[in-house]
C-alpha cells in the first residue's frame, strides 16, 4: 500500500514541521503590552502588567478583553460564533486573538523590533 519513499517523505515532513514550530516558539518572547485594533485602526495599547478589563465597542459589535496576571484574553463577544473566546490567554509576541465578525485584533507587543507596532 505505502512505498518506502512515501513513508520517508511523510516522516521528513513531520520532522520539518516540528522544527519550524520549534523555531517559531524560540523566536517568541514574553510581551509587555497588547495592541487592540478595530477595522485596522488603533483602538489602544494596554500594559500586560496592569490587571484591567477593556470594553471594545465599535459599529461592528462589542468585545471585552481582560488582562490578568500578565495575560490577555477575550471574555465577552457579541459575534454569532464566539470563536475569539476560545483562543485562551495570550502573552507571547507571536500570539494574537482575532474576532473576525467584529473586526477586532489583539496583538501582543514586545519591547522593540519587528513585533513592535508604533501607535
C-alpha atoms as a PDB file:
ATOM      1  CA  UNK A   1       0.000   0.000   0.000  1.00  0.00           C
ATOM      2  CA  UNK A   2       2.655   2.563   1.054  1.00  0.00           C
ATOM      3  CA  UNK A   3       6.019   2.555  -0.590  1.00  0.00           C
ATOM      4  CA  UNK A   4       9.243   3.133   1.310  1.00  0.00           C
ATOM      5  CA  UNK A   5       9.626   6.555  -0.348  1.00  0.00           C
ATOM      6  CA  UNK A   6       6.117   7.579   0.845  1.00  0.00           C
ATOM      7  CA  UNK A   7       6.973   6.738   4.440  1.00  0.00           C
ATOM      8  CA  UNK A   8      10.313   8.575   4.249  1.00  0.00           C
ATOM      9  CA  UNK A   9       8.569  11.638   2.782  1.00  0.00           C
ATOM     10  CA  UNK A  10       5.899  11.623   5.497  1.00  0.00           C
ATOM     11  CA  UNK A  11       8.454  11.308   8.303  1.00  0.00           C
ATOM     12  CA  UNK A  12      10.610  14.054   6.749  1.00  0.00           C
ATOM     13  CA  UNK A  13       7.638  16.415   6.501  1.00  0.00           C
ATOM     14  CA  UNK A  14       6.660  15.729  10.115  1.00  0.00           C
ATOM     15  CA  UNK A  15      10.191  16.384  11.362  1.00  0.00           C
ATOM     16  CA  UNK A  16      10.402  19.559   9.261  1.00  0.00           C
ATOM     17  CA  UNK A  17       7.062  20.747  10.635  1.00  0.00           C
ATOM     18  CA  UNK A  18       8.174  20.211  14.229  1.00  0.00           C
ATOM     19  CA  UNK A  19      11.441  22.057  13.502  1.00  0.00           C
ATOM     20  CA  UNK A  20       9.539  25.056  12.132  1.00  0.00           C
ATOM     21  CA  UNK A  21       7.292  25.090  15.207  1.00  0.00           C
ATOM     22  CA  UNK A  22      10.331  24.926  17.498  1.00  0.00           C
ATOM     23  CA  UNK A  23      11.997  27.853  15.695  1.00  0.00           C
ATOM     24  CA  UNK A  24       8.823  29.944  15.857  1.00  0.00           C
ATOM     25  CA  UNK A  25       8.405  29.135  19.540  1.00  0.00           C
ATOM     26  CA  UNK A  26      12.032  30.102  20.147  1.00  0.00           C
ATOM     27  CA  UNK A  27      11.514  33.483  18.454  1.00  0.00           C
ATOM     28  CA  UNK A  28       8.512  34.202  20.660  1.00  0.00           C
ATOM     29  CA  UNK A  29       9.306  36.222  23.784  1.00  0.00           C
ATOM     30  CA  UNK A  30       7.099  37.398  26.628  1.00  0.00           C
ATOM     31  CA  UNK A  31       5.310  40.592  25.663  1.00  0.00           C
ATOM     32  CA  UNK A  32       4.889  43.703  27.759  1.00  0.00           C
ATOM     33  CA  UNK A  33       1.684  45.096  26.238  1.00  0.00           C
ATOM     34  CA  UNK A  34      -1.159  44.332  23.856  1.00  0.00           C
ATOM     35  CA  UNK A  35      -2.369  46.445  20.946  1.00  0.00           C
ATOM     36  CA  UNK A  36      -6.048  46.430  20.031  1.00  0.00           C
ATOM     37  CA  UNK A  37      -7.200  47.405  16.554  1.00  0.00           C
ATOM     38  CA  UNK A  38     -10.751  47.698  15.241  1.00  0.00           C
ATOM     39  CA  UNK A  39     -11.235  47.761  11.459  1.00  0.00           C
ATOM     40  CA  UNK A  40      -7.445  48.089  11.182  1.00  0.00           C
ATOM     41  CA  UNK A  41      -7.498  51.346  13.170  1.00  0.00           C
ATOM     42  CA  UNK A  42      -5.627  51.520  16.507  1.00  0.00           C
ATOM     43  CA  UNK A  43      -8.035  51.330  19.437  1.00  0.00           C
ATOM     44  CA  UNK A  44      -5.459  51.281  22.249  1.00  0.00           C
ATOM     45  CA  UNK A  45      -2.325  49.780  23.766  1.00  0.00           C
ATOM     46  CA  UNK A  46      -2.611  48.203  27.215  1.00  0.00           C
ATOM     47  CA  UNK A  47       0.096  47.177  29.670  1.00  0.00           C
ATOM     48  CA  UNK A  48       0.144  43.451  30.452  1.00  0.00           C
ATOM     49  CA  UNK A  49       1.494  44.139  33.947  1.00  0.00           C
ATOM     50  CA  UNK A  50      -1.680  46.006  34.948  1.00  0.00           C
ATOM     51  CA  UNK A  51      -4.776  43.884  35.613  1.00  0.00           C
ATOM     52  CA  UNK A  52      -7.716  45.504  33.842  1.00  0.00           C
ATOM     53  CA  UNK A  53     -10.860  44.986  31.809  1.00  0.00           C
ATOM     54  CA  UNK A  54     -11.162  46.769  28.455  1.00  0.00           C
ATOM     55  CA  UNK A  55     -14.515  47.227  26.721  1.00  0.00           C
ATOM     56  CA  UNK A  56     -14.124  47.380  22.950  1.00  0.00           C
ATOM     57  CA  UNK A  57     -17.204  48.956  21.387  1.00  0.00           C
ATOM     58  CA  UNK A  58     -17.465  49.630  17.678  1.00  0.00           C
ATOM     59  CA  UNK A  59     -20.021  49.799  14.901  1.00  0.00           C
ATOM     60  CA  UNK A  60     -19.388  46.076  14.353  1.00  0.00           C
ATOM     61  CA  UNK A  61     -20.203  44.961  17.900  1.00  0.00           C
ATOM     62  CA  UNK A  62     -18.919  44.646  21.447  1.00  0.00           C
ATOM     63  CA  UNK A  63     -15.966  42.716  22.853  1.00  0.00           C
ATOM     64  CA  UNK A  64     -14.469  42.635  26.331  1.00  0.00           C
ATOM     65  CA  UNK A  65     -10.787  41.904  26.898  1.00  0.00           C
ATOM     66  CA  UNK A  66      -9.392  41.008  30.311  1.00  0.00           C
ATOM     67  CA  UNK A  67      -5.764  41.412  31.305  1.00  0.00           C
ATOM     68  CA  UNK A  68      -4.913  39.333  34.359  1.00  0.00           C
ATOM     69  CA  UNK A  69      -1.565  38.087  35.666  1.00  0.00           C
ATOM     70  CA  UNK A  70       0.328  39.249  32.565  1.00  0.00           C
ATOM     71  CA  UNK A  71      -2.011  37.587  30.078  1.00  0.00           C
ATOM     72  CA  UNK A  72      -4.803  38.921  27.877  1.00  0.00           C
ATOM     73  CA  UNK A  73      -7.922  37.052  26.846  1.00  0.00           C
ATOM     74  CA  UNK A  74     -11.281  37.792  25.312  1.00  0.00           C
ATOM     75  CA  UNK A  75     -14.034  37.281  27.879  1.00  0.00           C
ATOM     76  CA  UNK A  76     -17.095  38.572  26.004  1.00  0.00           C
ATOM     77  CA  UNK A  77     -18.075  38.954  22.374  1.00  0.00           C
ATOM     78  CA  UNK A  78     -21.469  39.546  20.817  1.00  0.00           C
ATOM     79  CA  UNK A  79     -20.458  37.986  17.487  1.00  0.00           C
ATOM     80  CA  UNK A  80     -22.511  34.975  16.327  1.00  0.00           C
ATOM     81  CA  UNK A  81     -19.825  32.287  16.585  1.00  0.00           C
ATOM     82  CA  UNK A  82     -17.815  33.455  19.616  1.00  0.00           C
ATOM     83  CA  UNK A  83     -14.653  31.851  18.208  1.00  0.00           C
ATOM     84  CA  UNK A  84     -12.453  34.552  19.733  1.00  0.00           C
ATOM     85  CA  UNK A  85     -13.487  33.370  23.191  1.00  0.00           C
ATOM     86  CA  UNK A  86     -11.792  30.018  22.562  1.00  0.00           C
ATOM     87  CA  UNK A  87      -8.323  31.464  21.815  1.00  0.00           C
ATOM     88  CA  UNK A  88      -7.438  31.369  25.509  1.00  0.00           C
ATOM     89  CA  UNK A  89      -4.899  33.682  27.121  1.00  0.00           C
ATOM     90  CA  UNK A  90      -2.021  35.238  25.210  1.00  0.00           C
ATOM     91  CA  UNK A  91       1.240  36.715  26.487  1.00  0.00           C
ATOM     92  CA  UNK A  92       3.932  35.904  23.883  1.00  0.00           C
ATOM     93  CA  UNK A  93       4.902  38.177  20.971  1.00  0.00           C
ATOM     94  CA  UNK A  94       3.876  35.594  18.373  1.00  0.00           C
ATOM     95  CA  UNK A  95       0.296  35.361  19.680  1.00  0.00           C
ATOM     96  CA  UNK A  96      -2.897  37.192  18.774  1.00  0.00           C
ATOM     97  CA  UNK A  97      -6.647  36.996  19.204  1.00  0.00           C
ATOM     98  CA  UNK A  98      -8.934  37.775  16.267  1.00  0.00           C
ATOM     99  CA  UNK A  99     -12.679  38.423  16.323  1.00  0.00           C
ATOM    100  CA  UNK A 100     -13.373  38.402  12.614  1.00  0.00           C
ATOM    101  CA  UNK A 101     -17.097  39.375  12.688  1.00  0.00           C
ATOM    102  CA  UNK A 102     -16.375  42.403  14.912  1.00  0.00           C
ATOM    103  CA  UNK A 103     -13.078  43.247  13.108  1.00  0.00           C
ATOM    104  CA  UNK A 104     -11.118  43.220  16.394  1.00  0.00           C
ATOM    105  CA  UNK A 105      -7.472  42.097  16.584  1.00  0.00           C
ATOM    106  CA  UNK A 106      -5.453  41.864  19.797  1.00  0.00           C
ATOM    107  CA  UNK A 107      -1.702  41.514  19.289  1.00  0.00           C
ATOM    108  CA  UNK A 108       0.993  41.031  21.931  1.00  0.00           C
ATOM    109  CA  UNK A 109       3.818  43.577  21.640  1.00  0.00           C
ATOM    110  CA  UNK A 110       7.398  43.273  22.843  1.00  0.00           C
ATOM    111  CA  UNK A 111       9.967  45.884  23.803  1.00  0.00           C
ATOM    112  CA  UNK A 112      11.098  46.708  20.262  1.00  0.00           C
ATOM    113  CA  UNK A 113      11.988  45.083  16.989  1.00  0.00           C
ATOM    114  CA  UNK A 114       9.825  43.658  14.239  1.00  0.00           C
ATOM    115  CA  UNK A 115       6.997  42.752  16.611  1.00  0.00           C
ATOM    116  CA  UNK A 116       6.644  46.302  17.960  1.00  0.00           C
ATOM    117  CA  UNK A 117       3.935  48.451  16.425  1.00  0.00           C
ATOM    118  CA  UNK A 118       4.029  52.216  16.645  1.00  0.00           C
ATOM    119  CA  UNK A 119       0.790  53.773  17.903  1.00  0.00           C
END
